[in-house]
């Protein structure tokens, strides 16, 4: 992955370590074989099911992390400062 003219270019492969299967779409995080992982909390080490409309489980610290990340990614000036 790299950045060119402020646009992030990422490697389009499954997020499972050492899985080289292609993704079904560019917005997918996992290949078809690992697609069941989309239904698990994205916090490392947590296998609880995600809540509808979220990428994390119901645990407060996990939800707070997701909401904070979403908040940081909303405003363009904040994204510019992160670069």
PDB file of N, CA and C in Angstrom:
ATOM      1  N   UNK A   1       0.839  -1.185   0.000  1.00  0.00           N
ATOM      2  CA  UNK A   1       0.000   0.000   0.000  1.00  0.00           C
ATOM      3  C   UNK A   1       0.873   1.233   0.000  1.00  0.00           C
ATOM      4  N   UNK A   2       0.330   2.305  -0.520  1.00  0.00           N
ATOM      5  CA  UNK A   2       1.071   3.554  -0.566  1.00  0.00           C
ATOM      6  C   UNK A   2       0.114   4.723  -0.683  1.00  0.00           C
ATOM      7  N   UNK A   3       0.676   5.931  -0.720  1.00  0.00           N
ATOM      8  CA  UNK A   3      -0.121   7.144  -0.866  1.00  0.00           C
ATOM      9  C   UNK A   3       0.421   7.915  -2.055  1.00  0.00           C
ATOM     10  N   UNK A   4      -0.492   8.320  -2.936  1.00  0.00           N
ATOM     11  CA  UNK A   4      -0.114   9.078  -4.115  1.00  0.00           C
ATOM     12  C   UNK A   4      -1.073  10.252  -4.230  1.00  0.00           C
ATOM     13  N   UNK A   5      -0.563  11.467  -4.196  1.00  0.00           N
ATOM     14  CA  UNK A   5      -1.388  12.679  -4.267  1.00  0.00           C
ATOM     15  C   UNK A   5      -2.480  12.695  -3.211  1.00  0.00           C
ATOM     16  N   UNK A   6      -2.184  12.177  -2.019  1.00  0.00           N
ATOM     17  CA  UNK A   6      -3.141  12.197  -0.927  1.00  0.00           C
ATOM     18  C   UNK A   6      -4.181  11.097  -0.984  1.00  0.00           C
ATOM     19  N   UNK A   7      -4.116  10.226  -1.970  1.00  0.00           N
ATOM     20  CA  UNK A   7      -5.061   9.128  -2.097  1.00  0.00           C
ATOM     21  C   UNK A   7      -4.379   7.842  -1.641  1.00  0.00           C
ATOM     22  N   UNK A   8      -4.977   7.171  -0.675  1.00  0.00           N
ATOM     23  CA  UNK A   8      -4.395   5.926  -0.180  1.00  0.00           C
ATOM     24  C   UNK A   8      -4.679   4.799  -1.162  1.00  0.00           C
ATOM     25  N   UNK A   9      -3.658   4.073  -1.495  1.00  0.00           N
ATOM     26  CA  UNK A   9      -3.792   2.914  -2.369  1.00  0.00           C
ATOM     27  C   UNK A   9      -3.417   1.707  -1.523  1.00  0.00           C
ATOM     28  N   UNK A  10      -4.342   0.773  -1.381  1.00  0.00           N
ATOM     29  CA  UNK A  10      -4.059  -0.364  -0.519  1.00  0.00           C
ATOM     30  C   UNK A  10      -3.953  -1.643  -1.329  1.00  0.00           C
ATOM     31  N   UNK A  11      -3.314  -2.595  -0.743  1.00  0.00           N
ATOM     32  CA  UNK A  11      -3.186  -3.904  -1.352  1.00  0.00           C
ATOM     33  C   UNK A  11      -4.540  -4.597  -1.278  1.00  0.00           C
ATOM     34  N   UNK A  12      -5.039  -5.064  -2.394  1.00  0.00           N
ATOM     35  CA  UNK A  12      -6.361  -5.650  -2.426  1.00  0.00           C
ATOM     36  C   UNK A  12      -6.235  -7.153  -2.213  1.00  0.00           C
ATOM     37  N   UNK A  13      -6.153  -7.533  -0.946  1.00  0.00           N
ATOM     38  CA  UNK A  13      -6.111  -8.950  -0.598  1.00  0.00           C
ATOM     39  C   UNK A  13      -6.807  -9.140   0.737  1.00  0.00           C
ATOM     40  N   UNK A  14      -7.071 -10.358   1.055  1.00  0.00           N
ATOM     41  CA  UNK A  14      -7.772 -10.723   2.278  1.00  0.00           C
ATOM     42  C   UNK A  14      -6.987 -10.255   3.498  1.00  0.00           C
ATOM     43  N   UNK A  15      -7.689  -9.851   4.563  1.00  0.00           N
ATOM     44  CA  UNK A  15      -7.028  -9.377   5.780  1.00  0.00           C
ATOM     45  C   UNK A  15      -6.516 -10.505   6.672  1.00  0.00           C
ATOM     46  N   UNK A  16      -6.791 -11.725   6.321  1.00  0.00           N
ATOM     47  CA  UNK A  16      -6.264 -12.853   7.091  1.00  0.00           C
ATOM     48  C   UNK A  16      -4.793 -13.017   6.724  1.00  0.00           C
ATOM     49  N   UNK A  17      -3.959 -13.125   7.743  1.00  0.00           N
ATOM     50  CA  UNK A  17      -2.513 -13.216   7.536  1.00  0.00           C
ATOM     51  C   UNK A  17      -2.153 -14.330   6.564  1.00  0.00           C
ATOM     52  N   UNK A  18      -1.362 -13.985   5.568  1.00  0.00           N
ATOM     53  CA  UNK A  18      -0.847 -14.905   4.548  1.00  0.00           C
ATOM     54  C   UNK A  18      -1.921 -15.522   3.658  1.00  0.00           C
ATOM     55  N   UNK A  19      -3.099 -14.934   3.600  1.00  0.00           N
ATOM     56  CA  UNK A  19      -4.125 -15.386   2.652  1.00  0.00           C
ATOM     57  C   UNK A  19      -3.973 -14.548   1.387  1.00  0.00           C
ATOM     58  N   UNK A  20      -3.793 -15.201   0.264  1.00  0.00           N
ATOM     59  CA  UNK A  20      -3.559 -14.483  -0.991  1.00  0.00           C
ATOM     60  C   UNK A  20      -4.767 -14.540  -1.925  1.00  0.00           C
ATOM     61  N   UNK A  21      -5.904 -14.962  -1.398  1.00  0.00           N
ATOM     62  CA  UNK A  21      -7.119 -15.025  -2.220  1.00  0.00           C
ATOM     63  C   UNK A  21      -7.582 -13.612  -2.576  1.00  0.00           C
ATOM     64  N   UNK A  22      -8.099 -13.426  -3.789  1.00  0.00           N
ATOM     65  CA  UNK A  22      -8.589 -12.092  -4.174  1.00  0.00           C
ATOM     66  C   UNK A  22      -9.906 -11.768  -3.464  1.00  0.00           C
ATOM     67  N   UNK A  23     -10.180 -10.485  -3.343  1.00  0.00           N
ATOM     68  CA  UNK A  23     -11.419 -10.041  -2.729  1.00  0.00           C
ATOM     69  C   UNK A  23     -12.530 -10.000  -3.769  1.00  0.00           C
ATOM     70  N   UNK A  24     -13.777 -10.283  -3.354  1.00  0.00           N
ATOM     71  CA  UNK A  24     -14.884 -10.246  -4.310  1.00  0.00           C
ATOM     72  C   UNK A  24     -15.164  -8.828  -4.819  1.00  0.00           C
ATOM     73  N   UNK A  25     -14.982  -7.801  -3.973  1.00  0.00           N
ATOM     74  CA  UNK A  25     -15.124  -6.403  -4.380  1.00  0.00           C
ATOM     75  C   UNK A  25     -14.006  -5.600  -3.728  1.00  0.00           C
ATOM     76  N   UNK A  26     -13.781  -4.388  -4.179  1.00  0.00           N
ATOM     77  CA  UNK A  26     -12.714  -3.568  -3.610  1.00  0.00           C
ATOM     78  C   UNK A  26     -13.036  -3.107  -2.201  1.00  0.00           C
ATOM     79  N   UNK A  27     -14.306  -3.078  -1.827  1.00  0.00           N
ATOM     80  CA  UNK A  27     -14.695  -2.648  -0.488  1.00  0.00           C
ATOM     81  C   UNK A  27     -14.693  -3.800   0.521  1.00  0.00           C
ATOM     82  N   UNK A  28     -14.525  -5.013   0.053  1.00  0.00           N
ATOM     83  CA  UNK A  28     -14.520  -6.171   0.945  1.00  0.00           C
ATOM     84  C   UNK A  28     -13.254  -6.192   1.786  1.00  0.00           C
ATOM     85  N   UNK A  29     -13.361  -6.753   2.994  1.00  0.00           N
ATOM     86  CA  UNK A  29     -12.192  -6.914   3.858  1.00  0.00           C
ATOM     87  C   UNK A  29     -11.643  -8.325   3.786  1.00  0.00           C
ATOM     88  N   UNK A  30     -12.505  -9.298   3.453  1.00  0.00           N
ATOM     89  CA  UNK A  30     -12.107 -10.696   3.448  1.00  0.00           C
ATOM     90  C   UNK A  30     -12.486 -11.357   2.130  1.00  0.00           C
ATOM     91  N   UNK A  31     -11.745 -12.398   1.773  1.00  0.00           N
ATOM     92  CA  UNK A  31     -12.065 -13.188   0.584  1.00  0.00           C
ATOM     93  C   UNK A  31     -13.341 -13.996   0.857  1.00  0.00           C
ATOM     94  N   UNK A  32     -13.832 -14.681  -0.145  1.00  0.00           N
ATOM     95  CA  UNK A  32     -15.059 -15.463   0.021  1.00  0.00           C
ATOM     96  C   UNK A  32     -14.893 -16.569   1.060  1.00  0.00           C
ATOM     97  N   UNK A  33     -13.710 -17.179   1.114  1.00  0.00           N
ATOM     98  CA  UNK A  33     -13.465 -18.257   2.061  1.00  0.00           C
ATOM     99  C   UNK A  33     -13.517 -17.761   3.504  1.00  0.00           C
ATOM    100  N   UNK A  34     -13.017 -16.544   3.751  1.00  0.00           N
ATOM    101  CA  UNK A  34     -12.975 -15.978   5.103  1.00  0.00           C
ATOM    102  C   UNK A  34     -14.100 -14.967   5.355  1.00  0.00           C
ATOM    103  N   UNK A  35     -15.111 -14.922   4.524  1.00  0.00           N
ATOM    104  CA  UNK A  35     -16.172 -13.921   4.651  1.00  0.00           C
ATOM    105  C   UNK A  35     -16.943 -14.030   5.970  1.00  0.00           C
ATOM    106  N   UNK A  36     -16.925 -15.191   6.613  1.00  0.00           N
ATOM    107  CA  UNK A  36     -17.602 -15.353   7.903  1.00  0.00           C
ATOM    108  C   UNK A  36     -16.997 -14.434   8.965  1.00  0.00           C
ATOM    109  N   UNK A  37     -15.751 -13.996   8.785  1.00  0.00           N
ATOM    110  CA  UNK A  37     -15.090 -13.120   9.753  1.00  0.00           C
ATOM    111  C   UNK A  37     -15.700 -11.718   9.783  1.00  0.00           C
ATOM    112  N   UNK A  38     -16.457 -11.348   8.745  1.00  0.00           N
ATOM    113  CA  UNK A  38     -17.153 -10.065   8.758  1.00  0.00           C
ATOM    114  C   UNK A  38     -18.217 -10.017   9.841  1.00  0.00           C
ATOM    115  N   UNK A  39     -18.634 -11.165  10.335  1.00  0.00           N
ATOM    116  CA  UNK A  39     -19.665 -11.229  11.368  1.00  0.00           C
ATOM    117  C   UNK A  39     -19.076 -11.285  12.772  1.00  0.00           C
ATOM    118  N   UNK A  40     -17.744 -11.195  12.887  1.00  0.00           N
ATOM    119  CA  UNK A  40     -17.068 -11.182  14.186  1.00  0.00           C
ATOM    120  C   UNK A  40     -16.543  -9.781  14.462  1.00  0.00           C
ATOM    121  N   UNK A  41     -16.455  -9.421  15.708  1.00  0.00           N
ATOM    122  CA  UNK A  41     -15.931  -8.126  16.147  1.00  0.00           C
ATOM    123  C   UNK A  41     -14.540  -7.908  15.537  1.00  0.00           C
ATOM    124  N   UNK A  42     -14.263  -6.696  15.057  1.00  0.00           N
ATOM    125  CA  UNK A  42     -12.973  -6.472  14.403  1.00  0.00           C
ATOM    126  C   UNK A  42     -11.821  -6.210  15.369  1.00  0.00           C
ATOM    127  N   UNK A  43     -12.093  -6.142  16.665  1.00  0.00           N
ATOM    128  CA  UNK A  43     -11.030  -5.982  17.650  1.00  0.00           C
ATOM    129  C   UNK A  43     -10.256  -7.304  17.744  1.00  0.00           C
ATOM    130  N   UNK A  44      -8.928  -7.223  17.636  1.00  0.00           N
ATOM    131  CA  UNK A  44      -8.101  -8.438  17.672  1.00  0.00           C
ATOM    132  C   UNK A  44      -8.364  -9.250  18.931  1.00  0.00           C
ATOM    133  N   UNK A  45      -8.554 -10.551  18.762  1.00  0.00           N
ATOM    134  CA  UNK A  45      -8.749 -11.453  19.881  1.00  0.00           C
ATOM    135  C   UNK A  45     -10.185 -11.582  20.345  1.00  0.00           C
ATOM    136  N   UNK A  46     -11.109 -10.827  19.752  1.00  0.00           N
ATOM    137  CA  UNK A  46     -12.518 -10.890  20.141  1.00  0.00           C
ATOM    138  C   UNK A  46     -13.300 -11.584  19.033  1.00  0.00           C
ATOM    139  N   UNK A  47     -13.972 -12.671  19.369  1.00  0.00           N
ATOM    140  CA  UNK A  47     -14.741 -13.425  18.376  1.00  0.00           C
ATOM    141  C   UNK A  47     -16.250 -13.276  18.592  1.00  0.00           C
ATOM    142  N   UNK A  48     -16.646 -12.288  19.397  1.00  0.00           N
ATOM    143  CA  UNK A  48     -18.078 -12.054  19.625  1.00  0.00           C
ATOM    144  C   UNK A  48     -18.739 -11.562  18.338  1.00  0.00           C
ATOM    145  N   UNK A  49     -20.023 -11.853  18.164  1.00  0.00           N
ATOM    146  CA  UNK A  49     -20.716 -11.397  16.946  1.00  0.00           C
ATOM    147  C   UNK A  49     -20.902  -9.882  16.951  1.00  0.00           C
ATOM    148  N   UNK A  50     -20.890  -9.294  15.756  1.00  0.00           N
ATOM    149  CA  UNK A  50     -21.086  -7.849  15.628  1.00  0.00           C
ATOM    150  C   UNK A  50     -22.561  -7.507  15.832  1.00  0.00           C
ATOM    151  N   UNK A  51     -22.808  -6.283  16.269  1.00  0.00           N
ATOM    152  CA  UNK A  51     -24.162  -5.767  16.396  1.00  0.00           C
ATOM    153  C   UNK A  51     -24.561  -5.149  15.057  1.00  0.00           C
ATOM    154  N   UNK A  52     -25.821  -5.148  14.761  1.00  0.00           N
ATOM    155  CA  UNK A  52     -26.325  -4.593  13.505  1.00  0.00           C
ATOM    156  C   UNK A  52     -25.919  -3.119  13.382  1.00  0.00           C
ATOM    157  N   UNK A  53     -25.324  -2.756  12.250  1.00  0.00           N
ATOM    158  CA  UNK A  53     -24.905  -1.384  12.006  1.00  0.00           C
ATOM    159  C   UNK A  53     -23.532  -1.042  12.532  1.00  0.00           C
ATOM    160  N   UNK A  54     -22.845  -1.995  13.151  1.00  0.00           N
ATOM    161  CA  UNK A  54     -21.516  -1.761  13.718  1.00  0.00           C
ATOM    162  C   UNK A  54     -20.552  -2.844  13.239  1.00  0.00           C
ATOM    163  N   UNK A  55     -19.263  -2.592  13.461  1.00  0.00           N
ATOM    164  CA  UNK A  55     -18.231  -3.586  13.148  1.00  0.00           C
ATOM    165  C   UNK A  55     -17.674  -4.215  14.406  1.00  0.00           C
ATOM    166  N   UNK A  56     -18.241  -3.839  15.551  1.00  0.00           N
ATOM    167  CA  UNK A  56     -17.777  -4.358  16.833  1.00  0.00           C
ATOM    168  C   UNK A  56     -18.936  -5.025  17.571  1.00  0.00           C
ATOM    169  N   UNK A  57     -18.577  -5.740  18.612  1.00  0.00           N
ATOM    170  CA  UNK A  57     -19.579  -6.395  19.452  1.00  0.00           C
ATOM    171  C   UNK A  57     -20.185  -5.370  20.407  1.00  0.00           C
ATOM    172  N   UNK A  58     -20.945  -5.831  21.351  1.00  0.00           N
ATOM    173  CA  UNK A  58     -21.664  -4.964  22.278  1.00  0.00           C
ATOM    174  C   UNK A  58     -20.794  -4.482  23.445  1.00  0.00           C
ATOM    175  N   UNK A  59     -19.593  -5.027  23.600  1.00  0.00           N
ATOM    176  CA  UNK A  59     -18.717  -4.639  24.704  1.00  0.00           C
ATOM    177  C   UNK A  59     -18.402  -3.142  24.622  1.00  0.00           C
ATOM    178  N   UNK A  60     -18.517  -2.443  25.747  1.00  0.00           N
ATOM    179  CA  UNK A  60     -18.392  -0.982  25.776  1.00  0.00           C
ATOM    180  C   UNK A  60     -17.064  -0.465  25.236  1.00  0.00           C
ATOM    181  N   UNK A  61     -15.969  -1.068  25.636  1.00  0.00           N
ATOM    182  CA  UNK A  61     -14.664  -0.575  25.194  1.00  0.00           C
ATOM    183  C   UNK A  61     -14.479  -0.762  23.686  1.00  0.00           C
ATOM    184  N   UNK A  62     -15.009  -1.852  23.140  1.00  0.00           N
ATOM    185  CA  UNK A  62     -14.902  -2.090  21.706  1.00  0.00           C
ATOM    186  C   UNK A  62     -15.752  -1.086  20.934  1.00  0.00           C
ATOM    187  N   UNK A  63     -16.969  -0.847  21.419  1.00  0.00           N
ATOM    188  CA  UNK A  63     -17.856   0.105  20.754  1.00  0.00           C
ATOM    189  C   UNK A  63     -17.282   1.512  20.830  1.00  0.00           C
ATOM    190  N   UNK A  64     -16.705   1.869  21.971  1.00  0.00           N
ATOM    191  CA  UNK A  64     -16.108   3.194  22.123  1.00  0.00           C
ATOM    192  C   UNK A  64     -14.945   3.375  21.147  1.00  0.00           C
ATOM    193  N   UNK A  65     -14.156   2.328  20.958  1.00  0.00           N
ATOM    194  CA  UNK A  65     -13.041   2.391  20.008  1.00  0.00           C
ATOM    195  C   UNK A  65     -13.562   2.619  18.600  1.00  0.00           C
ATOM    196  N   UNK A  66     -14.596   1.898  18.203  1.00  0.00           N
ATOM    197  CA  UNK A  66     -15.151   2.058  16.859  1.00  0.00           C
ATOM    198  C   UNK A  66     -15.730   3.457  16.665  1.00  0.00           C
ATOM    199  N   UNK A  67     -16.486   3.946  17.630  1.00  0.00           N
ATOM    200  CA  UNK A  67     -17.088   5.274  17.511  1.00  0.00           C
ATOM    201  C   UNK A  67     -16.031   6.371  17.475  1.00  0.00           C
ATOM    202  N   UNK A  68     -14.961   6.222  18.245  1.00  0.00           N
ATOM    203  CA  UNK A  68     -13.869   7.197  18.226  1.00  0.00           C
ATOM    204  C   UNK A  68     -13.172   7.187  16.873  1.00  0.00           C
ATOM    205  N   UNK A  69     -12.960   6.006  16.315  1.00  0.00           N
ATOM    206  CA  UNK A  69     -12.329   5.903  14.998  1.00  0.00           C
ATOM    207  C   UNK A  69     -13.206   6.552  13.937  1.00  0.00           C
ATOM    208  N   UNK A  70     -14.510   6.308  13.983  1.00  0.00           N
ATOM    209  CA  UNK A  70     -15.428   6.931  13.025  1.00  0.00           C
ATOM    210  C   UNK A  70     -15.430   8.441  13.165  1.00  0.00           C
ATOM    211  N   UNK A  71     -15.381   8.918  14.383  1.00  0.00           N
ATOM    212  CA  UNK A  71     -15.373  10.356  14.632  1.00  0.00           C
ATOM    213  C   UNK A  71     -14.118  10.999  14.043  1.00  0.00           C
ATOM    214  N   UNK A  72     -12.980  10.348  14.215  1.00  0.00           N
ATOM    215  CA  UNK A  72     -11.720  10.868  13.681  1.00  0.00           C
ATOM    216  C   UNK A  72     -11.734  10.915  12.157  1.00  0.00           C
ATOM    217  N   UNK A  73     -12.432   9.962  11.528  1.00  0.00           N
ATOM    218  CA  UNK A  73     -12.411   9.864  10.069  1.00  0.00           C
ATOM    219  C   UNK A  73     -13.474  10.701   9.376  1.00  0.00           C
ATOM    220  N   UNK A  74     -14.298  11.427  10.110  1.00  0.00           N
ATOM    221  CA  UNK A  74     -15.402  12.176   9.502  1.00  0.00           C
ATOM    222  C   UNK A  74     -14.957  13.471   8.832  1.00  0.00           C
ATOM    223  N   UNK A  75     -14.200  14.316   9.530  1.00  0.00           N
ATOM    224  CA  UNK A  75     -13.877  15.640   9.021  1.00  0.00           C
ATOM    225  C   UNK A  75     -12.619  15.618   8.164  1.00  0.00           C
ATOM    226  N   UNK A  76     -12.688  16.284   7.017  1.00  0.00           N
ATOM    227  CA  UNK A  76     -11.561  16.305   6.093  1.00  0.00           C
ATOM    228  C   UNK A  76     -10.325  16.955   6.729  1.00  0.00           C
ATOM    229  N   UNK A  77     -10.519  18.014   7.538  1.00  0.00           N
ATOM    230  CA  UNK A  77      -9.359  18.655   8.146  1.00  0.00           C
ATOM    231  C   UNK A  77      -8.668  17.714   9.127  1.00  0.00           C
ATOM    232  N   UNK A  78      -9.417  16.840   9.761  1.00  0.00           N
ATOM    233  CA  UNK A  78      -8.812  15.880  10.671  1.00  0.00           C
ATOM    234  C   UNK A  78      -8.002  14.850   9.883  1.00  0.00           C
ATOM    235  N   UNK A  79      -8.519  14.415   8.748  1.00  0.00           N
ATOM    236  CA  UNK A  79      -7.777  13.467   7.914  1.00  0.00           C
ATOM    237  C   UNK A  79      -6.487  14.127   7.400  1.00  0.00           C
ATOM    238  N   UNK A  80      -6.587  15.381   7.031  1.00  0.00           N
ATOM    239  CA  UNK A  80      -5.393  16.084   6.540  1.00  0.00           C
ATOM    240  C   UNK A  80      -4.344  16.169   7.645  1.00  0.00           C
ATOM    241  N   UNK A  81      -4.755  16.442   8.876  1.00  0.00           N
ATOM    242  CA  UNK A  81      -3.800  16.537   9.984  1.00  0.00           C
ATOM    243  C   UNK A  81      -3.153  15.187  10.282  1.00  0.00           C
ATOM    244  N   UNK A  82      -3.864  14.088  10.040  1.00  0.00           N
ATOM    245  CA  UNK A  82      -3.287  12.760  10.293  1.00  0.00           C
ATOM    246  C   UNK A  82      -2.183  12.435   9.310  1.00  0.00           C
ATOM    247  N   UNK A  83      -2.256  13.005   8.098  1.00  0.00           N
ATOM    248  CA  UNK A  83      -1.208  12.761   7.112  1.00  0.00           C
ATOM    249  C   UNK A  83       0.078  13.408   7.570  1.00  0.00           C
TER     250      UNK A  83
END
